[in-house]
Amino acid sequence: MEQFTEGESTREEIKNKLRQHFDGKIVRKDLTKKIKEGANVPVYVLEFLLGQYCCSDDESVIEKGVQNVKHIYGTQDRWTCRIMGLCGF
């Protein structure tokens, strides 16, 4: 059991170092998959936005970031529709 606790401690230490040095560049792939379903946006764009708005361990910050990302690509989709004359705006 001590080995498991030691492993968790090491994992948290690595996670903290990664956040310290690569903040804004770490992306949770589960969030990318969750948002990509139904989104007409390239994955690299979603990952960039998630890295900018969801770089935290706090679930409330992550949820707010996900809502911001959805708003950004939702606005982009409406703008693209308007430019191409595909929507009745």
PDB file of N, CA and C in Angstrom:
ATOM      1  N   MET A   1       0.819  -1.195   0.000  1.00  0.00           N
ATOM      2  CA  MET A   1       0.000   0.000   0.000  1.00  0.00           C
ATOM      3  C   MET A   1       0.862   1.258   0.000  1.00  0.00           C
ATOM      4  N   GLU A   2       2.025   1.205   0.655  1.00  0.00           N
ATOM      5  CA  GLU A   2       2.908   2.359   0.669  1.00  0.00           C
ATOM      6  C   GLU A   2       3.409   2.676  -0.726  1.00  0.00           C
ATOM      7  N   GLN A   3       3.633   1.646  -1.523  1.00  0.00           N
ATOM      8  CA  GLN A   3       4.124   1.844  -2.879  1.00  0.00           C
ATOM      9  C   GLN A   3       3.094   2.610  -3.708  1.00  0.00           C
ATOM     10  N   PHE A   4       1.814   2.302  -3.529  1.00  0.00           N
ATOM     11  CA  PHE A   4       0.749   3.007  -4.244  1.00  0.00           C
ATOM     12  C   PHE A   4       0.726   4.480  -3.852  1.00  0.00           C
ATOM     13  N   THR A   5       0.847   4.771  -2.581  1.00  0.00           N
ATOM     14  CA  THR A   5       0.862   6.153  -2.103  1.00  0.00           C
ATOM     15  C   THR A   5       2.082   6.886  -2.646  1.00  0.00           C
ATOM     16  N   GLU A   6       3.216   6.216  -2.673  1.00  0.00           N
ATOM     17  CA  GLU A   6       4.431   6.820  -3.208  1.00  0.00           C
ATOM     18  C   GLU A   6       4.263   7.127  -4.694  1.00  0.00           C
ATOM     19  N   GLY A   7       3.620   6.225  -5.424  1.00  0.00           N
ATOM     20  CA  GLY A   7       3.370   6.437  -6.846  1.00  0.00           C
ATOM     21  C   GLY A   7       2.453   7.618  -7.085  1.00  0.00           C
ATOM     22  N   GLU A   8       1.426   7.754  -6.270  1.00  0.00           N
ATOM     23  CA  GLU A   8       0.512   8.893  -6.380  1.00  0.00           C
ATOM     24  C   GLU A   8       1.242  10.195  -6.095  1.00  0.00           C
ATOM     25  N   SER A   9       2.116  10.183  -5.093  1.00  0.00           N
ATOM     26  CA  SER A   9       2.895  11.363  -4.753  1.00  0.00           C
ATOM     27  C   SER A   9       3.790  11.766  -5.922  1.00  0.00           C
ATOM     28  N   THR A  10       4.435  10.799  -6.530  1.00  0.00           N
ATOM     29  CA  THR A  10       5.303  11.056  -7.674  1.00  0.00           C
ATOM     30  C   THR A  10       4.491  11.590  -8.850  1.00  0.00           C
ATOM     31  N   ARG A  11       3.329  11.012  -9.074  1.00  0.00           N
ATOM     32  CA  ARG A  11       2.469  11.455 -10.162  1.00  0.00           C
ATOM     33  C   ARG A  11       2.042  12.914  -9.974  1.00  0.00           C
ATOM     34  N   GLU A  12       1.669  13.266  -8.757  1.00  0.00           N
ATOM     35  CA  GLU A  12       1.279  14.650  -8.471  1.00  0.00           C
ATOM     36  C   GLU A  12       2.464  15.602  -8.646  1.00  0.00           C
ATOM     37  N   GLU A  13       3.633  15.155  -8.242  1.00  0.00           N
ATOM     38  CA  GLU A  13       4.841  15.968  -8.391  1.00  0.00           C
ATOM     39  C   GLU A  13       5.137  16.225  -9.878  1.00  0.00           C
ATOM     40  N   ILE A  14       5.036  15.183 -10.682  1.00  0.00           N
ATOM     41  CA  ILE A  14       5.264  15.329 -12.127  1.00  0.00           C
ATOM     42  C   ILE A  14       4.212  16.242 -12.736  1.00  0.00           C
ATOM     43  N   LYS A  15       2.974  16.045 -12.343  1.00  0.00           N
ATOM     44  CA  LYS A  15       1.871  16.864 -12.853  1.00  0.00           C
ATOM     45  C   LYS A  15       2.099  18.341 -12.525  1.00  0.00           C
ATOM     46  N   ASN A  16       2.531  18.622 -11.312  1.00  0.00           N
ATOM     47  CA  ASN A  16       2.798  20.009 -10.915  1.00  0.00           C
ATOM     48  C   ASN A  16       3.950  20.610 -11.713  1.00  0.00           C
ATOM     49  N   LYS A  17       4.999  19.841 -11.940  1.00  0.00           N
ATOM     50  CA  LYS A  17       6.138  20.337 -12.725  1.00  0.00           C
ATOM     51  C   LYS A  17       5.724  20.609 -14.168  1.00  0.00           C
ATOM     52  N   LEU A  18       4.918  19.710 -14.735  1.00  0.00           N
ATOM     53  CA  LEU A  18       4.434  19.928 -16.100  1.00  0.00           C
ATOM     54  C   LEU A  18       3.604  21.200 -16.194  1.00  0.00           C
ATOM     55  N   ARG A  19       2.717  21.400 -15.226  1.00  0.00           N
ATOM     56  CA  ARG A  19       1.899  22.616 -15.233  1.00  0.00           C
ATOM     57  C   ARG A  19       2.756  23.875 -15.068  1.00  0.00           C
ATOM     58  N   GLN A  20       3.779  23.771 -14.255  1.00  0.00           N
ATOM     59  CA  GLN A  20       4.655  24.916 -14.022  1.00  0.00           C
ATOM     60  C   GLN A  20       5.401  25.307 -15.303  1.00  0.00           C
ATOM     61  N   HIS A  21       5.886  24.324 -16.040  1.00  0.00           N
ATOM     62  CA  HIS A  21       6.718  24.615 -17.207  1.00  0.00           C
ATOM     63  C   HIS A  21       5.953  24.666 -18.532  1.00  0.00           C
ATOM     64  N   PHE A  22       4.809  24.014 -18.594  1.00  0.00           N
ATOM     65  CA  PHE A  22       4.069  23.943 -19.848  1.00  0.00           C
ATOM     66  C   PHE A  22       2.624  24.399 -19.691  1.00  0.00           C
ATOM     67  N   ASP A  23       2.396  25.366 -18.826  1.00  0.00           N
ATOM     68  CA  ASP A  23       1.046  25.855 -18.584  1.00  0.00           C
ATOM     69  C   ASP A  23       0.446  26.400 -19.887  1.00  0.00           C
ATOM     70  N   GLY A  24      -0.775  25.988 -20.188  1.00  0.00           N
ATOM     71  CA  GLY A  24      -1.436  26.416 -21.407  1.00  0.00           C
ATOM     72  C   GLY A  24      -1.165  25.527 -22.595  1.00  0.00           C
ATOM     73  N   LYS A  25      -0.285  24.538 -22.412  1.00  0.00           N
ATOM     74  CA  LYS A  25       0.041  23.635 -23.512  1.00  0.00           C
ATOM     75  C   LYS A  25      -0.370  22.191 -23.228  1.00  0.00           C
ATOM     76  N   ILE A  26      -0.862  21.948 -22.030  1.00  0.00           N
ATOM     77  CA  ILE A  26      -1.314  20.614 -21.647  1.00  0.00           C
ATOM     78  C   ILE A  26      -2.812  20.535 -21.904  1.00  0.00           C
ATOM     79  N   VAL A  27      -3.230  19.489 -22.607  1.00  0.00           N
ATOM     80  CA  VAL A  27      -4.633  19.349 -22.976  1.00  0.00           C
ATOM     81  C   VAL A  27      -5.159  18.019 -22.466  1.00  0.00           C
ATOM     82  N   ARG A  28      -6.298  18.066 -21.818  1.00  0.00           N
ATOM     83  CA  ARG A  28      -6.967  16.834 -21.411  1.00  0.00           C
ATOM     84  C   ARG A  28      -7.715  16.275 -22.618  1.00  0.00           C
ATOM     85  N   LYS A  29      -7.300  15.113 -23.078  1.00  0.00           N
ATOM     86  CA  LYS A  29      -7.888  14.514 -24.274  1.00  0.00           C
ATOM     87  C   LYS A  29      -9.351  14.142 -24.066  1.00  0.00           C
ATOM     88  N   ASP A  30      -9.756  13.873 -22.824  1.00  0.00           N
ATOM     89  CA  ASP A  30     -11.155  13.552 -22.593  1.00  0.00           C
ATOM     90  C   ASP A  30     -12.047  14.761 -22.871  1.00  0.00           C
ATOM     91  N   LEU A  31     -11.543  15.962 -22.583  1.00  0.00           N
ATOM     92  CA  LEU A  31     -12.310  17.174 -22.887  1.00  0.00           C
ATOM     93  C   LEU A  31     -12.387  17.401 -24.396  1.00  0.00           C
ATOM     94  N   THR A  32     -11.294  17.121 -25.090  1.00  0.00           N
ATOM     95  CA  THR A  32     -11.288  17.267 -26.548  1.00  0.00           C
ATOM     96  C   THR A  32     -12.333  16.348 -27.165  1.00  0.00           C
ATOM     97  N   LYS A  33     -12.354  15.105 -26.725  1.00  0.00           N
ATOM     98  CA  LYS A  33     -13.314  14.143 -27.262  1.00  0.00           C
ATOM     99  C   LYS A  33     -14.746  14.561 -26.932  1.00  0.00           C
ATOM    100  N   LYS A  34     -14.963  15.026 -25.713  1.00  0.00           N
ATOM    101  CA  LYS A  34     -16.302  15.444 -25.275  1.00  0.00           C
ATOM    102  C   LYS A  34     -16.821  16.599 -26.136  1.00  0.00           C
ATOM    103  N   ILE A  35     -15.978  17.565 -26.423  1.00  0.00           N
ATOM    104  CA  ILE A  35     -16.396  18.738 -27.193  1.00  0.00           C
ATOM    105  C   ILE A  35     -16.453  18.435 -28.680  1.00  0.00           C
ATOM    106  N   LYS A  36     -15.539  17.595 -29.175  1.00  0.00           N
ATOM    107  CA  LYS A  36     -15.461  17.316 -30.607  1.00  0.00           C
ATOM    108  C   LYS A  36     -16.740  16.684 -31.132  1.00  0.00           C
ATOM    109  N   GLU A  37     -17.423  15.918 -30.312  1.00  0.00           N
ATOM    110  CA  GLU A  37     -18.676  15.297 -30.728  1.00  0.00           C
ATOM    111  C   GLU A  37     -19.690  16.392 -31.030  1.00  0.00           C
ATOM    112  N   GLY A  38     -20.015  16.544 -32.285  1.00  0.00           N
ATOM    113  CA  GLY A  38     -20.989  17.562 -32.685  1.00  0.00           C
ATOM    114  C   GLY A  38     -20.378  18.896 -33.065  1.00  0.00           C
ATOM    115  N   ALA A  39     -19.074  19.032 -32.961  1.00  0.00           N
ATOM    116  CA  ALA A  39     -18.421  20.296 -33.304  1.00  0.00           C
ATOM    117  C   ALA A  39     -17.788  20.194 -34.685  1.00  0.00           C
ATOM    118  N   ASN A  40     -17.988  21.199 -35.482  1.00  0.00           N
ATOM    119  CA  ASN A  40     -17.395  21.226 -36.816  1.00  0.00           C
ATOM    120  C   ASN A  40     -16.137  22.089 -36.776  1.00  0.00           C
ATOM    121  N   VAL A  41     -15.192  21.679 -35.935  1.00  0.00           N
ATOM    122  CA  VAL A  41     -13.965  22.434 -35.706  1.00  0.00           C
ATOM    123  C   VAL A  41     -12.797  21.439 -35.723  1.00  0.00           C
ATOM    124  N   PRO A  42     -11.676  21.793 -36.351  1.00  0.00           N
ATOM    125  CA  PRO A  42     -10.513  20.884 -36.325  1.00  0.00           C
ATOM    126  C   PRO A  42     -10.042  20.620 -34.895  1.00  0.00           C
ATOM    127  N   VAL A  43      -9.566  19.423 -34.656  1.00  0.00           N
ATOM    128  CA  VAL A  43      -9.135  19.016 -33.321  1.00  0.00           C
ATOM    129  C   VAL A  43      -8.021  19.924 -32.796  1.00  0.00           C
ATOM    130  N   TYR A  44      -7.087  20.314 -33.662  1.00  0.00           N
ATOM    131  CA  TYR A  44      -5.975  21.151 -33.190  1.00  0.00           C
ATOM    132  C   TYR A  44      -6.463  22.513 -32.702  1.00  0.00           C
ATOM    133  N   VAL A  45      -7.561  23.017 -33.270  1.00  0.00           N
ATOM    134  CA  VAL A  45      -8.127  24.282 -32.802  1.00  0.00           C
ATOM    135  C   VAL A  45      -8.747  24.082 -31.426  1.00  0.00           C
ATOM    136  N   LEU A  46      -9.517  23.008 -31.250  1.00  0.00           N
ATOM    137  CA  LEU A  46     -10.101  22.716 -29.933  1.00  0.00           C
ATOM    138  C   LEU A  46      -9.020  22.526 -28.883  1.00  0.00           C
ATOM    139  N   GLU A  47      -7.966  21.801 -29.231  1.00  0.00           N
ATOM    140  CA  GLU A  47      -6.896  21.569 -28.263  1.00  0.00           C
ATOM    141  C   GLU A  47      -6.191  22.860 -27.889  1.00  0.00           C
ATOM    142  N   PHE A  48      -5.991  23.748 -28.836  1.00  0.00           N
ATOM    143  CA  PHE A  48      -5.381  25.040 -28.526  1.00  0.00           C
ATOM    144  C   PHE A  48      -6.267  25.818 -27.560  1.00  0.00           C
ATOM    145  N   LEU A  49      -7.558  25.894 -27.860  1.00  0.00           N
ATOM    146  CA  LEU A  49      -8.487  26.639 -27.004  1.00  0.00           C
ATOM    147  C   LEU A  49      -8.601  26.012 -25.620  1.00  0.00           C
ATOM    148  N   LEU A  50      -8.664  24.694 -25.560  1.00  0.00           N
ATOM    149  CA  LEU A  50      -8.725  24.019 -24.260  1.00  0.00           C
ATOM    150  C   LEU A  50      -7.452  24.275 -23.456  1.00  0.00           C
ATOM    151  N   GLY A  51      -6.314  24.290 -24.116  1.00  0.00           N
ATOM    152  CA  GLY A  51      -5.059  24.594 -23.428  1.00  0.00           C
ATOM    153  C   GLY A  51      -5.051  26.005 -22.860  1.00  0.00           C
ATOM    154  N   GLN A  52      -5.719  26.926 -23.540  1.00  0.00           N
ATOM    155  CA  GLN A  52      -5.766  28.312 -23.084  1.00  0.00           C
ATOM    156  C   GLN A  52      -6.776  28.527 -21.961  1.00  0.00           C
ATOM    157  N   TYR A  53      -7.932  27.879 -22.056  1.00  0.00           N
ATOM    158  CA  TYR A  53      -9.029  28.163 -21.136  1.00  0.00           C
ATOM    159  C   TYR A  53      -9.254  27.120 -20.049  1.00  0.00           C
ATOM    160  N   CYS A  54      -8.669  25.940 -20.163  1.00  0.00           N
ATOM    161  CA  CYS A  54      -8.943  24.863 -19.207  1.00  0.00           C
ATOM    162  C   CYS A  54      -7.690  24.339 -18.520  1.00  0.00           C
ATOM    163  N   CYS A  55      -6.672  25.160 -18.372  1.00  0.00           N
ATOM    164  CA  CYS A  55      -5.420  24.691 -17.764  1.00  0.00           C
ATOM    165  C   CYS A  55      -5.488  24.865 -16.247  1.00  0.00           C
ATOM    166  N   SER A  56      -6.186  23.929 -15.612  1.00  0.00           N
ATOM    167  CA  SER A  56      -6.348  23.966 -14.166  1.00  0.00           C
ATOM    168  C   SER A  56      -6.734  22.580 -13.681  1.00  0.00           C
ATOM    169  N   ASP A  57      -6.605  22.369 -12.387  1.00  0.00           N
ATOM    170  CA  ASP A  57      -7.099  21.143 -11.769  1.00  0.00           C
ATOM    171  C   ASP A  57      -8.463  21.370 -11.132  1.00  0.00           C
ATOM    172  N   ASP A  58      -8.872  22.615 -11.029  1.00  0.00           N
ATOM    173  CA  ASP A  58     -10.147  22.979 -10.417  1.00  0.00           C
ATOM    174  C   ASP A  58     -11.285  22.714 -11.410  1.00  0.00           C
ATOM    175  N   GLU A  59     -12.218  21.855 -11.019  1.00  0.00           N
ATOM    176  CA  GLU A  59     -13.313  21.465 -11.918  1.00  0.00           C
ATOM    177  C   GLU A  59     -14.190  22.651 -12.324  1.00  0.00           C
ATOM    178  N   SER A  60     -14.383  23.621 -11.447  1.00  0.00           N
ATOM    179  CA  SER A  60     -15.211  24.782 -11.811  1.00  0.00           C
ATOM    180  C   SER A  60     -14.513  25.634 -12.882  1.00  0.00           C
ATOM    181  N   VAL A  61     -13.206  25.766 -12.786  1.00  0.00           N
ATOM    182  CA  VAL A  61     -12.440  26.503 -13.800  1.00  0.00           C
ATOM    183  C   VAL A  61     -12.486  25.755 -15.132  1.00  0.00           C
ATOM    184  N   ILE A  62     -12.367  24.446 -15.072  1.00  0.00           N
ATOM    185  CA  ILE A  62     -12.418  23.637 -16.288  1.00  0.00           C
ATOM    186  C   ILE A  62     -13.782  23.754 -16.946  1.00  0.00           C
ATOM    187  N   GLU A  63     -14.851  23.667 -16.159  1.00  0.00           N
ATOM    188  CA  GLU A  63     -16.198  23.766 -16.724  1.00  0.00           C
ATOM    189  C   GLU A  63     -16.438  25.137 -17.350  1.00  0.00           C
ATOM    190  N   LYS A  64     -15.980  26.189 -16.684  1.00  0.00           N
ATOM    191  CA  LYS A  64     -16.113  27.534 -17.247  1.00  0.00           C
ATOM    192  C   LYS A  64     -15.301  27.650 -18.539  1.00  0.00           C
ATOM    193  N   GLY A  65     -14.110  27.059 -18.557  1.00  0.00           N
ATOM    194  CA  GLY A  65     -13.280  27.062 -19.756  1.00  0.00           C
ATOM    195  C   GLY A  65     -13.938  26.322 -20.907  1.00  0.00           C
ATOM    196  N   VAL A  66     -14.564  25.183 -20.609  1.00  0.00           N
ATOM    197  CA  VAL A  66     -15.269  24.420 -21.641  1.00  0.00           C
ATOM    198  C   VAL A  66     -16.407  25.255 -22.218  1.00  0.00           C
ATOM    199  N   GLN A  67     -17.129  25.955 -21.366  1.00  0.00           N
ATOM    200  CA  GLN A  67     -18.211  26.819 -21.848  1.00  0.00           C
ATOM    201  C   GLN A  67     -17.663  27.942 -22.727  1.00  0.00           C
ATOM    202  N   ASN A  68     -16.523  28.511 -22.354  1.00  0.00           N
ATOM    203  CA  ASN A  68     -15.887  29.547 -23.183  1.00  0.00           C
ATOM    204  C   ASN A  68     -15.492  28.999 -24.545  1.00  0.00           C
ATOM    205  N   VAL A  69     -14.917  27.805 -24.562  1.00  0.00           N
ATOM    206  CA  VAL A  69     -14.505  27.191 -25.823  1.00  0.00           C
ATOM    207  C   VAL A  69     -15.730  26.929 -26.697  1.00  0.00           C
ATOM    208  N   LYS A  70     -16.791  26.403 -26.105  1.00  0.00           N
ATOM    209  CA  LYS A  70     -18.016  26.149 -26.868  1.00  0.00           C
ATOM    210  C   LYS A  70     -18.578  27.450 -27.428  1.00  0.00           C
ATOM    211  N   HIS A  71     -18.521  28.509 -26.649  1.00  0.00           N
ATOM    212  CA  HIS A  71     -19.008  29.813 -27.118  1.00  0.00           C
ATOM    213  C   HIS A  71     -18.160  30.318 -28.281  1.00  0.00           C
ATOM    214  N   ILE A  72     -16.851  30.170 -28.177  1.00  0.00           N
ATOM    215  CA  ILE A  72     -15.953  30.653 -29.229  1.00  0.00           C
ATOM    216  C   ILE A  72     -16.203  29.917 -30.530  1.00  0.00           C
ATOM    217  N   TYR A  73     -16.223  28.590 -30.507  1.00  0.00           N
ATOM    218  CA  TYR A  73     -16.427  27.900 -31.781  1.00  0.00           C
ATOM    219  C   TYR A  73     -17.866  27.999 -32.243  1.00  0.00           C
ATOM    220  N   GLY A  74     -18.822  28.205 -31.333  1.00  0.00           N
ATOM    221  CA  GLY A  74     -20.205  28.435 -31.741  1.00  0.00           C
ATOM    222  C   GLY A  74     -20.347  29.753 -32.472  1.00  0.00           C
ATOM    223  N   THR A  75     -19.680  30.782 -32.001  1.00  0.00           N
ATOM    224  CA  THR A  75     -19.682  32.087 -32.655  1.00  0.00           C
ATOM    225  C   THR A  75     -19.018  31.978 -34.019  1.00  0.00           C
ATOM    226  N   GLN A  76     -17.928  31.229 -34.100  1.00  0.00           N
ATOM    227  CA  GLN A  76     -17.225  31.049 -35.362  1.00  0.00           C
ATOM    228  C   GLN A  76     -18.111  30.344 -36.385  1.00  0.00           C
ATOM    229  N   ASP A  77     -18.844  29.318 -35.954  1.00  0.00           N
ATOM    230  CA  ASP A  77     -19.737  28.608 -36.873  1.00  0.00           C
ATOM    231  C   ASP A  77     -20.814  29.534 -37.427  1.00  0.00           C
ATOM    232  N   ARG A  78     -21.400  30.372 -36.580  1.00  0.00           N
ATOM    233  CA  ARG A  78     -22.433  31.311 -37.045  1.00  0.00           C
ATOM    234  C   ARG A  78     -21.844  32.325 -38.011  1.00  0.00           C
ATOM    235  N   TRP A  79     -20.625  32.814 -37.726  1.00  0.00           N
ATOM    236  CA  TRP A  79     -19.964  33.772 -38.598  1.00  0.00           C
ATOM    237  C   TRP A  79     -19.690  33.144 -39.959  1.00  0.00           C
ATOM    238  N   THR A  80     -19.182  31.908 -39.962  1.00  0.00           N
ATOM    239  CA  THR A  80     -18.898  31.204 -41.208  1.00  0.00           C
ATOM    240  C   THR A  80     -20.176  30.989 -42.006  1.00  0.00           C
ATOM    241  N   CYS A  81     -21.250  30.613 -41.342  1.00  0.00           N
ATOM    242  CA  CYS A  81     -22.543  30.422 -42.011  1.00  0.00           C
ATOM    243  C   CYS A  81     -23.003  31.725 -42.660  1.00  0.00           C
ATOM    244  N   ARG A  82     -22.880  32.814 -41.937  1.00  0.00           N
ATOM    245  CA  ARG A  82     -23.336  34.106 -42.443  1.00  0.00           C
ATOM    246  C   ARG A  82     -22.539  34.510 -43.681  1.00  0.00           C
ATOM    247  N   ILE A  83     -21.213  34.343 -43.625  1.00  0.00           N
ATOM    248  CA  ILE A  83     -20.355  34.697 -44.745  1.00  0.00           C
ATOM    249  C   ILE A  83     -20.695  33.861 -45.970  1.00  0.00           C
ATOM    250  N   MET A  84     -20.932  32.590 -45.764  1.00  0.00           N
ATOM    251  CA  MET A  84     -21.182  31.683 -46.891  1.00  0.00           C
ATOM    252  C   MET A  84     -22.651  31.719 -47.337  1.00  0.00           C
ATOM    253  N   GLY A  85     -23.511  32.429 -46.609  1.00  0.00           N
ATOM    254  CA  GLY A  85     -24.916  32.525 -46.968  1.00  0.00           C
ATOM    255  C   GLY A  85     -25.689  31.254 -46.744  1.00  0.00           C
ATOM    256  N   LEU A  86     -25.240  30.431 -45.782  1.00  0.00           N
ATOM    257  CA  LEU A  86     -25.879  29.157 -45.543  1.00  0.00           C
ATOM    258  C   LEU A  86     -26.974  29.239 -44.486  1.00  0.00           C
ATOM    259  N   CYS A  87     -26.950  30.275 -43.673  1.00  0.00           N
ATOM    260  CA  CYS A  87     -27.927  30.400 -42.598  1.00  0.00           C
ATOM    261  C   CYS A  87     -28.838  31.589 -42.872  1.00  0.00           C
ATOM    262  N   GLY A  88     -29.963  31.580 -42.279  1.00  0.00           N
ATOM    263  CA  GLY A  88     -30.915  32.675 -42.482  1.00  0.00           C
ATOM    264  C   GLY A  88     -30.793  33.795 -41.462  1.00  0.00           C
ATOM    265  N   PHE A  89     -29.581  34.250 -41.173  1.00  0.00           N
ATOM    266  CA  PHE A  89     -29.390  35.331 -40.193  1.00  0.00           C
ATOM    267  C   PHE A  89     -29.624  36.670 -40.838  1.00  0.00           C
TER     268      PHE A  89
END
